[in-house]
C-alpha atoms as a PDB file:
ATOM      1  CA  UNK A   1     192.949-164.838-115.413  1.00  0.00           C
ATOM      2  CA  UNK A   2     191.109-165.196-112.068  1.00  0.00           C
ATOM      3  CA  UNK A   3     188.211-162.862-113.838  1.00  0.00           C
ATOM      4  CA  UNK A   4     188.243-165.053-116.880  1.00  0.00           C
ATOM      5  CA  UNK A   5     187.633-168.251-114.922  1.00  0.00           C
ATOM      6  CA  UNK A   6     185.153-166.849-112.767  1.00  0.00           C
ATOM      7  CA  UNK A   7     182.703-166.032-115.849  1.00  0.00           C
ATOM      8  CA  UNK A   8     183.557-169.609-117.706  1.00  0.00           C
ATOM      9  CA  UNK A   9     180.477-171.840-117.736  1.00  0.00           C
ATOM     10  CA  UNK A  10     182.539-174.714-117.096  1.00  0.00           C
ATOM     11  CA  UNK A  11     184.281-175.849-113.833  1.00  0.00           C
ATOM     12  CA  UNK A  12     188.070-175.209-113.582  1.00  0.00           C
ATOM     13  CA  UNK A  13     190.942-175.926-111.014  1.00  0.00           C
ATOM     14  CA  UNK A  14     194.448-175.156-111.311  1.00  0.00           C
ATOM     15  CA  UNK A  15     197.007-176.502-109.345  1.00  0.00           C
ATOM     16  CA  UNK A  16     200.669-175.492-108.593  1.00  0.00           C
ATOM     17  CA  UNK A  17     203.662-177.729-108.771  1.00  0.00           C
ATOM     18  CA  UNK A  18     203.231-178.526-105.252  1.00  0.00           C
ATOM     19  CA  UNK A  19     199.762-179.595-106.085  1.00  0.00           C
ATOM     20  CA  UNK A  20     198.269-176.818-104.132  1.00  0.00           C
ATOM     21  CA  UNK A  21     195.135-174.896-105.451  1.00  0.00           C
ATOM     22  CA  UNK A  22     195.900-171.931-107.226  1.00  0.00           C
ATOM     23  CA  UNK A  23     192.527-171.464-108.739  1.00  0.00           C
ATOM     24  CA  UNK A  24     188.974-172.993-108.384  1.00  0.00           C
ATOM     25  CA  UNK A  25     185.890-171.184-109.936  1.00  0.00           C
ATOM     26  CA  UNK A  26     182.372-171.258-108.764  1.00  0.00           C
ATOM     27  CA  UNK A  27     181.343-173.295-111.622  1.00  0.00           C
ATOM     28  CA  UNK A  28     183.568-176.262-110.398  1.00  0.00           C
ATOM     29  CA  UNK A  29     182.539-175.717-106.742  1.00  0.00           C
ATOM     30  CA  UNK A  30     178.811-175.757-107.825  1.00  0.00           C
ATOM     31  CA  UNK A  31     179.333-178.894-109.944  1.00  0.00           C
ATOM     32  CA  UNK A  32     180.890-180.989-107.255  1.00  0.00           C
ATOM     33  CA  UNK A  33     179.370-179.236-104.326  1.00  0.00           C
ATOM     34  CA  UNK A  34     182.603-178.301-102.857  1.00  0.00           C
ATOM     35  CA  UNK A  35     182.469-176.385 -99.714  1.00  0.00           C
ATOM     36  CA  UNK A  36     184.119-173.081 -99.700  1.00  0.00           C
ATOM     37  CA  UNK A  37     186.973-173.860 -97.336  1.00  0.00           C
ATOM     38  CA  UNK A  38     187.939-176.320 -99.931  1.00  0.00           C
ATOM     39  CA  UNK A  39     188.208-173.928-102.850  1.00  0.00           C
ATOM     40  CA  UNK A  40     190.746-171.485-101.390  1.00  0.00           C
ATOM     41  CA  UNK A  41     194.071-170.936-102.978  1.00  0.00           C
ATOM     42  CA  UNK A  42     196.795-173.503-101.200  1.00  0.00           C
ATOM     43  CA  UNK A  43     194.267-176.129-100.620  1.00  0.00           C
ATOM     44  CA  UNK A  44     196.353-179.467-101.167  1.00  0.00           C
ATOM     45  CA  UNK A  45     194.912-181.522-104.367  1.00  0.00           C
ATOM     46  CA  UNK A  46     194.618-184.620-102.351  1.00  0.00           C
ATOM     47  CA  UNK A  47     192.161-182.923 -99.871  1.00  0.00           C
ATOM     48  CA  UNK A  48     190.071-182.180-102.955  1.00  0.00           C
ATOM     49  CA  UNK A  49     190.295-185.548-104.148  1.00  0.00           C
ATOM     50  CA  UNK A  50     189.321-187.023-100.730  1.00  0.00           C
ATOM     51  CA  UNK A  51     186.252-184.791-100.630  1.00  0.00           C
ATOM     52  CA  UNK A  52     185.184-185.973-104.203  1.00  0.00           C
ATOM     53  CA  UNK A  53     185.838-189.602-103.195  1.00  0.00           C
ATOM     54  CA  UNK A  54     183.556-189.119-100.126  1.00  0.00           C
ATOM     55  CA  UNK A  55     180.855-187.517-102.152  1.00  0.00           C
ATOM     56  CA  UNK A  56     181.178-190.523-104.770  1.00  0.00           C
ATOM     57  CA  UNK A  57     182.224-187.952-107.531  1.00  0.00           C
ATOM     58  CA  UNK A  58     184.823-190.090-109.125  1.00  0.00           C
ATOM     59  CA  UNK A  59     185.465-192.151-112.382  1.00  0.00           C
ATOM     60  CA  UNK A  60     185.319-195.819-112.117  1.00  0.00           C
ATOM     61  CA  UNK A  61     184.594-198.092-109.303  1.00  0.00           C
ATOM     62  CA  UNK A  62     187.856-198.207-107.301  1.00  0.00           C
ATOM     63  CA  UNK A  63     188.616-194.665-105.434  1.00  0.00           C
ATOM     64  CA  UNK A  64     192.065-195.745-104.662  1.00  0.00           C
ATOM     65  CA  UNK A  65     192.830-196.852-108.286  1.00  0.00           C
ATOM     66  CA  UNK A  66     191.407-193.612-109.516  1.00  0.00           C
ATOM     67  CA  UNK A  67     193.875-191.419-107.369  1.00  0.00           C
ATOM     68  CA  UNK A  68     196.601-193.478-108.317  1.00  0.00           C
ATOM     69  CA  UNK A  69     196.135-193.298-111.961  1.00  0.00           C
ATOM     70  CA  UNK A  70     195.403-189.538-111.413  1.00  0.00           C
ATOM     71  CA  UNK A  71     198.745-189.158-109.444  1.00  0.00           C
ATOM     72  CA  UNK A  72     200.649-191.038-112.123  1.00  0.00           C
ATOM     73  CA  UNK A  73     199.075-189.185-115.028  1.00  0.00           C
ATOM     74  CA  UNK A  74     199.930-185.704-113.282  1.00  0.00           C
ATOM     75  CA  UNK A  75     203.291-186.937-112.400  1.00  0.00           C
ATOM     76  CA  UNK A  76     203.855-187.545-116.214  1.00  0.00           C
ATOM     77  CA  UNK A  77     202.405-184.379-117.289  1.00  0.00           C
ATOM     78  CA  UNK A  78     199.927-185.866-119.291  1.00  0.00           C
ATOM     79  CA  UNK A  79     196.300-184.737-120.128  1.00  0.00           C
ATOM     80  CA  UNK A  80     193.432-186.812-119.008  1.00  0.00           C
ATOM     81  CA  UNK A  81     189.825-186.802-119.569  1.00  0.00           C
ATOM     82  CA  UNK A  82     187.517-189.073-117.291  1.00  0.00           C
ATOM     83  CA  UNK A  83     183.653-189.267-117.075  1.00  0.00           C
ATOM     84  CA  UNK A  84     181.953-188.543-113.823  1.00  0.00           C
ATOM     85  CA  UNK A  85     178.452-189.347-113.760  1.00  0.00           C
ATOM     86  CA  UNK A  86     176.788-186.710-111.145  1.00  0.00           C
ATOM     87  CA  UNK A  87     173.879-187.932-109.208  1.00  0.00           C
END
């Protein structure tokens, strides 16, 4: 699976049930300018979200609301799609 993810042209992150990073491909890291330490397996999901928020890379106008809505979506095991405009 890691080899397939590494060769994908789109960014991909996968997390386990405890919301810890299992896999993050280079496309995702490049897309969001994620530093290498945050791409390591075991990184908490919230740490990655905090980085993205600090960098202004989130959907909507309210970062707290964005995290809350995304957390609720994850808790309900629903899919989500959001548009993030990259600067």
